[in-house]
Amino acid sequence: MQFQGLVFGVPKEIMPGERRVSAIPETVKKMISNGAKVLVEKGAGLGSYFSDDEYQAVGATMVAGAEEVFQKSDVILKVKEPLFNSEIGKHEVDMLRAGQVIVTFLHPAAPVNHEMTKNLTATGVTALTLDGIPRISRAQAMDALTSMSTVAGYKSVLMAANRLPKFAPMIGSAVGMLAPANVTVLGVGVAGLQAIATAKRLGAVVHAADIRPEAAEHARSLGAKTIETSVPAEIAIGKGGYALSLPKEWVEKEQVALYDTIVKSDIVICTALVPGRIAPILVTEEMVKNMKPGSAIVDVSIDQGGNCALTVAGEIIEKYGVSIEGTKNIPGMMPASSTTMFAKNILNFIGNFIKDGKIVIDMNDEITASTLVCQDGKLVHAGAKEALGLN
């Protein structure tokens, strides 16, 4: 059997506000039927409305605390990167051991995760990050980033609209017409497309920008007006259709192209990402300073550093009268939908590198090579090495 003899650990997520869990009873049942033992920390699924009894009913072993889950597991399955567990006074990295495997969203290139990435590497664990899964056909069922982006794009617009001190749609009233809100979406991948569709449903006027011509076309198909960035396709598009990291001079040209639209926006949704790299800064401080007071920015790309120069990871701040939201776990705000998608993605992912009960880290496999962060005390993730200046 595929997972014969392996112990999977499912700890409770500890990021404030995080309600997702890495495995649901349905996926736990499949792991166990394939030979695994699954340890689930008590209460791990409650935020997503899965009870301990439901996990026990499919054969999971319920464990009282996180330390026991980490200590007794061969493979740790998480949603978010390792954090300090204030309940037990210990960082999750310090609960890991050499030779153990951890699978989660690590975002190792993001500045906020640099120290954690270095410490994780030093433990000697094998760490794989779900944000590195390539856009290829056989990886679609594993692509947790796409699944979570679907949730984040939808929810981000609702969050921004909730902060906005005006209507999103055009409103007719006895005293005249009230103009609709102007929404700008930066990055037209999965999250961006969901953001555009949601903003259009709310009745807003929507602009969108993406350096990839095909993505811009998708934005127009949803009714958005696109902003011409003039970035040549040959330096904009990478493998699998993802955006490439642009040279500094082209990022500056893109900022100039975006300026007028951004400063006139009531809402800006930032979703522009470069796989495995720090997100590009597209909204400068000067832009924010010239936006209308009461405007709202939601920086969905914050896990990889953020698209707005002023975003603070994990916080909601106000600067120059503009609210800037850097919430790191937007999908965690919709746990019923996001957890079900995530748990199925992660089950399919581990099935790619576990064969007949053995963990096989094959760097000739595109999925493994793109997601491996560190192994045997060595940092191998290209984006993290670049961000840390180790290339």
Foldseek 3Di string as FASTA:
>chain_A
DQAAPFEEFWEADDDVLFQFTQAALVLLLVNVVVHYAYEYEAPRNVSLPGHPVSNVVSPHHYDDHDLVRQQPGQEYEGAEAWQQDPVVRGTVLVSHAANGEYEYAQLLLAPVRVVVLLSNLQRQYWYFHLLQFAQDDLLVLQNLVLLLLLLQLQLVLVVQCVLFPDQQAWDQDPVGIDHHFEEEEEDQDSSSLNNLLNSVVSHHAYEYEAPAPVSQVSSVVSPHHYFDLPDDNVQAADPNRAGADDDPVSLVSSLVSCQVSLQAGLEYEYDRDGRLAAGAANAEPVSLLNHDQRGEYEFQSVSRPTNHPPDDACDWDADNNYIYHRRPCSSSNVHNSSNVSSNSSVSSVQSVQGGPSDGHQDCVDSRSVRTTQHHRSDGDRPRSCVSVVND
